[in-house]
Amino acid sequence: MQGNGNSGVQTAYIVEQIGEPESLGSGKWKIKVAGTQLIVNNNNEQPRKLNINVEMIVRAVVPPLLSEVTSKYKDIGIAKAAQLARAEGLEVISITNIK
């Protein structure tokens, strides 16, 4: 769970299904993701559940070395996050809701 800046409120996104990637050519793919966002507050109320289904466009990227991102981001925490985010060789370039 992750806080959202409001004290006492936490959220989590639970992925329930990931569709088969659809090639868009040029190292890009479209992927449909279905899941539920849980919103919990500290008042012992039942969690609210929101169905959130999205379509993501991802592209292939060369995974960077930590030394490469460290030179770009002076904050080592940000550098590690940037390196980790691309470690699998993919980058999300758009997310849209599926209605």
Protein backbone atom coordinates (compact mmCIF):
# COMPACT_ATOMS: atom_id res chain seq x y z
CA MET A 1 0.00 0.00 0.00
CA GLN A 2 1.15 3.51 -0.68
CA GLY A 3 0.08 6.78 0.90
CA ASN A 4 -1.16 9.50 -1.40
CA GLY A 5 -0.31 12.57 0.65
CA ASN A 6 -3.58 12.58 2.62
CA SER A 7 -2.89 11.40 6.15
CA GLY A 8 -4.61 8.15 6.92
CA VAL A 9 -5.36 7.19 3.30
CA GLN A 10 -3.49 4.44 1.49
CA THR A 11 -3.93 3.01 -1.98
CA ALA A 12 -2.82 -0.13 -3.78
CA TYR A 13 -3.31 -1.27 -7.38
CA ILE A 14 -3.82 -5.01 -7.77
CA VAL A 15 -3.18 -6.32 -11.27
CA GLU A 16 -5.68 -9.06 -12.08
CA GLN A 17 -5.00 -9.71 -15.75
CA ILE A 18 -2.40 -8.75 -18.34
CA GLY A 19 -3.36 -9.24 -21.97
CA GLU A 20 -1.18 -10.66 -24.69
CA PRO A 21 1.13 -7.94 -26.12
CA GLU A 22 0.08 -6.69 -29.57
CA SER A 23 2.97 -5.58 -31.77
CA LEU A 24 2.69 -2.06 -33.16
CA GLY A 25 5.99 -2.35 -35.05
CA SER A 26 9.21 -0.38 -34.49
CA GLY A 27 9.80 -1.97 -31.07
CA LYS A 28 6.43 -0.88 -29.64
CA TRP A 29 3.62 -2.99 -28.15
CA LYS A 30 0.10 -2.43 -26.87
CA ILE A 31 -0.86 -4.25 -23.67
CA LYS A 32 -4.22 -4.27 -21.88
CA VAL A 33 -4.08 -4.45 -18.07
CA ALA A 34 -7.10 -5.07 -15.83
CA GLY A 35 -6.98 -4.46 -12.11
CA THR A 36 -8.52 -3.02 -8.98
CA GLN A 37 -7.41 -0.03 -6.96
CA LEU A 38 -8.03 -0.36 -3.24
CA ILE A 39 -8.45 2.81 -1.19
CA VAL A 40 -8.17 2.34 2.57
CA ASN A 41 -8.40 4.89 5.34
CA ASN A 42 -7.57 4.51 9.00
CA ASN A 43 -11.19 4.85 10.15
CA ASN A 44 -11.68 1.06 9.97
CA GLU A 45 -14.10 1.47 7.07
CA GLN A 46 -14.34 -1.13 4.33
CA PRO A 47 -11.81 -0.52 1.55
CA ARG A 48 -13.24 1.16 -1.53
CA LYS A 49 -12.58 -0.76 -4.73
CA LEU A 50 -12.29 0.81 -8.16
CA ASN A 51 -11.96 -1.28 -11.31
CA ILE A 52 -9.25 0.31 -13.40
CA ASN A 53 -8.57 -1.13 -16.82
CA VAL A 54 -5.88 0.48 -18.94
CA GLU A 55 -4.18 0.12 -22.26
CA MET A 56 -0.43 0.69 -22.13
CA ILE A 57 1.94 1.39 -24.98
CA VAL A 58 5.49 0.27 -24.25
CA ARG A 59 8.67 0.44 -26.26
CA ALA A 60 11.97 -1.38 -26.19
CA VAL A 61 14.89 0.53 -24.69
CA VAL A 62 18.49 -0.36 -24.00
CA PRO A 63 18.79 -0.94 -20.24
CA PRO A 64 21.12 1.75 -18.90
CA LEU A 65 24.06 1.11 -16.62
CA LEU A 66 23.92 2.74 -13.21
CA SER A 67 27.01 4.77 -14.12
CA GLU A 68 25.15 6.24 -17.12
CA VAL A 69 22.13 7.40 -15.10
CA THR A 70 24.31 8.60 -12.20
CA SER A 71 25.91 11.13 -14.55
CA LYS A 72 22.45 12.36 -15.58
CA TYR A 73 20.79 12.38 -12.14
CA LYS A 74 23.04 13.64 -9.36
CA ASP A 75 20.66 12.21 -6.69
CA ILE A 76 21.71 8.54 -6.34
CA GLY A 77 18.17 7.53 -5.32
CA ILE A 78 16.72 8.93 -8.54
CA ALA A 79 19.55 7.39 -10.56
CA LYS A 80 18.87 3.95 -9.10
CA ALA A 81 15.12 4.33 -9.72
CA ALA A 82 15.73 5.34 -13.34
CA GLN A 83 18.08 2.39 -13.87
CA LEU A 84 15.66 -0.04 -12.22
CA ALA A 85 12.68 1.26 -14.22
CA ARG A 86 14.43 0.39 -17.50
CA ALA A 87 16.29 -2.71 -16.33
CA GLU A 88 13.92 -5.04 -18.19
CA GLY A 89 14.41 -3.16 -21.47
CA LEU A 90 10.91 -1.64 -21.64
CA GLU A 91 9.58 1.85 -21.11
CA VAL A 92 5.92 2.83 -20.76
CA ILE A 93 5.17 5.69 -23.17
CA SER A 94 1.41 6.01 -22.65
CA ILE A 95 -1.39 4.79 -20.42
CA THR A 96 -5.05 5.33 -21.29
CA ASN A 97 -8.19 4.18 -19.51
CA ILE A 98 -10.33 1.55 -21.21
CA LYS A 99 -13.98 2.39 -20.82
